Amino acid sequence: MAWNQKAFGSRLRKLREQQGLSMLAFGKEIGTSASRIKHWEEGKSAPSASWIVTICERFDVSAENLLTGSNTGTGEKRINTPEHAAFGETDSPGVDGLVESFIRSEQERYGKQGGRERLIEEITVRLSGMSERDLRELSMLAALKEKSGKEFGSKTVG
């Protein structure tokens, strides 16, 4: 499922309203302002990875479900909003095919002997050029990934 900022905002609003929280109350709970929540919900801005982690923990939803509306393989109920249809966000085999194609491509590139080392080397080179904020967000995403216990694809690389 592709990222859509307005659809994300609708999902966030729905989660907040399901809990009976005002923007102010929700903002206080997670340590931000009501105006920031409003901008996220209106699709005017997007939260950083660290905010995504905080929101996911607060509402007990996966990042995938929060960000894309997809709940593939989680057993979690999809966050449905009226915008899903308007933005083309439906459970579509085309998206699944795209994901499978990407996974196969990565397996071909890194699945051979020495692939894990090559992958680590490429990541390490990229890290040195990243801003401190991007590094913090990457760290938060890695922590979320570790916490969720999910792996990319069905096998580890290597």
Protein backbone atom coordinates (compact mmCIF):
# COMPACT_ATOMS: atom_id res chain seq x y z
CA MET A 1 0.00 0.00 0.00
CA ALA A 2 1.44 3.37 -0.96
CA TRP A 3 1.82 6.29 1.45
CA ASN A 4 -0.98 8.83 1.28
CA GLN A 5 -0.71 11.68 3.76
CA LYS A 6 -4.41 12.63 3.73
CA ALA A 7 -5.53 9.02 4.16
CA PHE A 8 -3.02 8.66 7.01
CA GLY A 9 -4.58 11.71 8.67
CA SER A 10 -8.03 10.18 8.36
CA ARG A 11 -6.83 6.94 9.95
CA LEU A 12 -5.23 8.87 12.80
CA ARG A 13 -8.41 10.91 13.35
CA LYS A 14 -10.52 7.74 13.37
CA LEU A 15 -8.26 6.09 15.97
CA ARG A 16 -8.32 9.19 18.16
CA GLU A 17 -12.09 9.57 17.92
CA GLN A 18 -12.66 5.85 18.62
CA GLN A 19 -10.86 6.41 21.92
CA GLY A 20 -13.00 9.48 22.64
CA LEU A 21 -9.98 11.77 22.71
CA SER A 22 -9.92 15.41 21.70
CA MET A 23 -6.87 16.65 19.81
CA LEU A 24 -5.77 18.43 22.98
CA ALA A 25 -6.13 15.33 25.18
CA PHE A 26 -4.37 13.10 22.66
CA GLY A 27 -1.57 15.64 22.24
CA LYS A 28 -1.05 15.81 26.00
CA GLU A 29 -0.99 12.00 26.23
CA ILE A 30 1.79 11.64 23.69
CA GLY A 31 3.63 14.88 24.46
CA THR A 32 2.78 17.16 21.56
CA SER A 33 0.44 20.02 20.72
CA ALA A 34 -3.13 19.89 19.44
CA SER A 35 -2.05 21.98 16.45
CA ARG A 36 0.51 19.34 15.45
CA ILE A 37 -2.18 16.64 15.73
CA LYS A 38 -4.48 18.82 13.60
CA HIS A 39 -1.80 19.21 10.90
CA TRP A 40 -1.23 15.44 10.83
CA GLU A 41 -4.96 14.73 10.60
CA GLU A 42 -5.48 17.30 7.85
CA GLY A 43 -2.57 15.91 5.85
CA LYS A 44 -0.62 19.18 6.08
CA SER A 45 2.38 17.46 7.62
CA ALA A 46 3.53 13.97 8.50
CA PRO A 47 4.86 12.72 11.82
CA SER A 48 8.47 11.61 12.14
CA ALA A 49 9.29 7.96 12.70
CA SER A 50 9.58 8.52 16.44
CA TRP A 51 6.06 9.98 16.52
CA ILE A 52 4.80 7.03 14.48
CA VAL A 53 6.23 4.66 17.10
CA THR A 54 4.57 6.66 19.89
CA ILE A 55 1.20 6.72 18.11
CA CYS A 56 1.37 2.99 17.32
CA GLU A 57 2.12 2.17 20.94
CA ARG A 58 -0.70 4.44 22.19
CA PHE A 59 -3.34 2.88 19.93
CA ASP A 60 -1.82 -0.62 19.85
CA VAL A 61 -1.69 -0.77 16.04
CA SER A 62 1.13 -1.73 13.70
CA ALA A 63 3.04 0.95 11.84
CA GLU A 64 2.00 -0.68 8.56
CA ASN A 65 -1.67 -0.38 9.47
CA LEU A 66 -1.31 3.20 10.69
CA LEU A 67 0.76 4.38 7.73
CA THR A 68 -0.92 2.54 4.88
CA GLY A 69 -4.16 1.11 6.21
CA SER A 70 -2.89 -2.38 5.43
CA ASN A 71 -2.97 -5.12 8.01
CA THR A 72 -1.39 -7.87 5.95
CA GLY A 73 -0.62 -10.88 8.08
CA THR A 74 -1.02 -9.13 11.43
CA GLY A 75 -4.47 -10.40 12.37
CA GLU A 76 -5.17 -6.79 13.23
CA LYS A 77 -8.35 -5.07 12.12
CA ARG A 78 -7.78 -2.65 9.25
CA ILE A 79 -8.35 1.03 10.03
CA ASN A 80 -11.07 1.77 7.46
CA THR A 81 -11.93 5.32 6.52
CA PRO A 82 -14.11 6.75 3.74
CA GLU A 83 -10.93 8.03 2.09
CA HIS A 84 -9.69 4.49 1.37
CA ALA A 85 -11.82 4.26 -1.75
CA ALA A 86 -11.22 7.88 -2.75
CA PHE A 87 -7.46 7.44 -2.64
CA GLY A 88 -7.42 4.02 -4.25
CA GLU A 89 -6.53 2.35 -0.97
CA THR A 90 -8.14 -1.03 -1.33
CA ASP A 91 -6.85 -4.48 -0.63
CA SER A 92 -5.51 -5.13 -4.09
CA PRO A 93 -3.58 -8.08 -5.48
CA GLY A 94 -1.57 -5.56 -7.53
CA VAL A 95 -0.01 -4.15 -4.37
CA ASP A 96 0.75 -7.63 -3.07
CA GLY A 97 2.37 -8.47 -6.40
CA LEU A 98 4.51 -5.35 -6.22
CA VAL A 99 5.65 -6.23 -2.70
CA GLU A 100 6.46 -9.81 -3.73
CA SER A 101 8.41 -8.52 -6.73
CA PHE A 102 10.44 -6.22 -4.48
CA ILE A 103 11.18 -9.05 -2.04
CA ARG A 104 12.30 -11.34 -4.90
CA SER A 105 14.55 -8.60 -6.26
CA GLU A 106 16.17 -8.10 -2.85
CA GLN A 107 16.62 -11.86 -2.44
CA GLU A 108 18.36 -12.03 -5.82
CA ARG A 109 20.66 -9.16 -4.87
CA TYR A 110 21.50 -10.14 -1.29
CA GLY A 111 20.36 -13.76 -0.97
CA LYS A 112 23.60 -15.25 -2.28
CA GLN A 113 26.70 -16.08 -0.30
CA GLY A 114 28.15 -12.89 1.17
CA GLY A 115 24.85 -11.07 0.63
CA ARG A 116 24.38 -10.16 4.27
CA GLU A 117 27.85 -8.63 4.45
CA ARG A 118 27.26 -6.70 1.21
CA LEU A 119 23.94 -5.41 2.56
CA ILE A 120 25.53 -4.29 5.86
CA GLU A 121 28.33 -2.56 3.95
CA GLU A 122 25.87 -0.67 1.72
CA ILE A 123 23.83 0.41 4.73
CA THR A 124 26.96 1.54 6.58
CA VAL A 125 28.05 3.70 3.64
CA ARG A 126 24.62 5.34 3.50
CA LEU A 127 24.53 5.99 7.25
CA SER A 128 27.55 8.29 7.17
CA GLY A 129 25.73 10.70 4.84
CA MET A 130 22.50 10.85 6.86
CA SER A 131 21.45 13.72 9.11
CA GLU A 132 21.22 13.17 12.85
CA ARG A 133 17.42 13.37 12.63
CA ASP A 134 17.31 10.71 9.91
CA LEU A 135 19.60 8.49 11.99
CA ARG A 136 17.30 8.85 15.01
CA GLU A 137 14.27 8.01 12.87
CA LEU A 138 16.05 5.00 11.41
CA SER A 139 16.92 3.86 14.93
CA MET A 140 13.28 4.20 15.98
CA LEU A 141 12.12 2.22 12.94
CA ALA A 142 14.62 -0.51 13.74
CA ALA A 143 13.38 -0.60 17.34
CA LEU A 144 9.77 -0.82 16.14
CA LYS A 145 10.68 -3.57 13.70
CA GLU A 146 12.48 -5.50 16.45
CA LYS A 147 9.56 -5.00 18.83
CA SER A 148 7.02 -6.22 16.31
CA GLY A 149 9.09 -9.37 15.74
CA LYS A 150 8.55 -9.25 12.00
CA GLU A 151 11.15 -9.87 9.34
CA PHE A 152 11.30 -8.42 5.85
CA GLY A 153 10.19 -11.29 3.66
CA SER A 154 10.06 -14.88 4.80
CA LYS A 155 13.79 -15.46 5.27
CA THR A 156 16.64 -13.49 6.76
CA VAL A 157 19.19 -12.18 4.30
CA GLY A 158 22.42 -14.10 4.10
